[in-house]
Amino acid sequence: MAIRLASIISSNSKKVPKGYLAVYVGENQKRFVIPVSYLNQPSFQDLLDLSEEEFGYSHPTGGLRILCDEDMFLNITSLLH
C-alpha cells in the first residue's frame, strides 16, 4: 500500500510541523503526524467519534488517541486528500 509521506508521517519526533497534529493509533499507540485538514473529512470524523465514545476527551498522554488498528487507520487516511 502506498502512502504519501507528505500526507501522513509515522514519527517518533516530538516536533509537529505547522498545519499538522500528532495522533496515537492502535493498541500500541503508534504515533502519526497528520494534516489538520483531515479533521474535516467525514471518514476521519467517524474515527474521532468512536474514539470519543471509548476514551472521552481526557488524554493523560496529551495526544489524541484513535480507536482502530494501524492498518485500518492507514487505509482510511490513504483515501483522504
Protein backbone atom coordinates (compact mmCIF):
# COMPACT_ATOMS: atom_id res chain seq x y z
CA MET A 1 0.00 0.00 0.00
CA ALA A 2 1.45 3.35 -0.99
CA ILE A 3 1.08 6.22 1.43
CA ARG A 4 2.11 9.71 0.52
CA LEU A 5 4.63 10.82 3.12
CA ALA A 6 3.56 14.41 2.64
CA SER A 7 0.10 13.48 3.95
CA ILE A 8 0.91 11.22 6.89
CA ILE A 9 4.10 10.70 8.80
CA SER A 10 4.90 7.93 11.23
CA SER A 11 7.01 9.79 13.70
CA ASN A 12 8.83 9.44 16.99
CA SER A 13 9.97 13.07 16.87
CA LYS A 14 8.27 15.38 19.37
CA LYS A 15 8.13 18.25 16.87
CA VAL A 16 4.98 18.60 14.80
CA PRO A 17 5.12 20.80 11.69
CA LYS A 18 2.72 23.73 11.42
CA GLY A 19 -0.61 22.57 9.99
CA TYR A 20 -0.24 19.02 11.37
CA LEU A 21 -1.14 17.23 14.57
CA ALA A 22 0.02 14.09 16.31
CA VAL A 23 -2.35 11.18 16.88
CA TYR A 24 -1.80 7.85 18.61
CA VAL A 25 -3.27 4.84 16.87
CA GLY A 26 -3.98 1.26 17.82
CA GLU A 27 -3.24 -0.91 20.80
CA ASN A 28 0.45 0.07 20.80
CA GLN A 29 -0.43 3.77 20.37
CA LYS A 30 1.84 4.27 17.39
CA ARG A 31 2.35 7.98 16.77
CA PHE A 32 1.41 9.50 13.42
CA VAL A 33 1.56 13.13 12.33
CA ILE A 34 -1.35 14.08 10.09
CA PRO A 35 -2.57 17.27 8.39
CA VAL A 36 -5.19 19.17 10.38
CA SER A 37 -7.32 19.18 7.22
CA TYR A 38 -8.15 15.52 7.97
CA LEU A 39 -10.30 16.73 10.86
CA ASN A 40 -12.87 18.00 8.35
CA GLN A 41 -13.16 14.69 6.50
CA PRO A 42 -16.31 12.63 7.31
CA SER A 43 -14.45 9.31 7.44
CA PHE A 44 -11.89 10.75 9.86
CA GLN A 45 -14.66 12.31 11.94
CA ASP A 46 -16.16 8.81 12.28
CA LEU A 47 -12.87 7.62 13.78
CA LEU A 48 -12.90 10.57 16.17
CA ASP A 49 -16.47 9.80 17.24
CA LEU A 50 -15.54 6.19 18.03
CA SER A 51 -12.51 7.35 19.96
CA GLU A 52 -14.53 9.90 21.92
CA GLU A 53 -17.00 7.17 22.93
CA GLU A 54 -14.15 4.94 24.14
CA PHE A 55 -11.71 7.43 25.67
CA GLY A 56 -13.65 10.66 26.18
CA TYR A 57 -11.77 13.92 25.95
CA SER A 58 -9.30 13.29 28.76
CA HIS A 59 -5.98 12.09 27.36
CA PRO A 60 -3.29 11.73 30.05
CA THR A 61 -0.56 11.44 27.41
CA GLY A 62 -1.63 14.78 25.94
CA GLY A 63 -2.20 13.29 22.49
CA LEU A 64 -5.27 12.40 20.52
CA ARG A 65 -5.92 8.64 20.60
CA ILE A 66 -7.63 6.99 17.63
CA LEU A 67 -9.55 3.80 18.28
CA CYS A 68 -8.73 1.47 15.39
CA ASP A 69 -5.86 -0.73 14.32
CA GLU A 70 -2.97 0.78 12.40
CA ASP A 71 -3.88 -0.91 9.10
CA MET A 72 -7.41 0.49 9.18
CA PHE A 73 -6.08 3.95 10.04
CA LEU A 74 -3.61 3.82 7.16
CA ASN A 75 -6.32 2.64 4.75
CA ILE A 76 -8.66 5.46 5.73
CA THR A 77 -6.00 8.18 5.67
CA SER A 78 -4.64 6.99 2.32
CA LEU A 79 -8.02 7.91 0.81
CA LEU A 80 -8.01 11.44 2.22
CA HIS A 81 -6.62 14.42 0.36
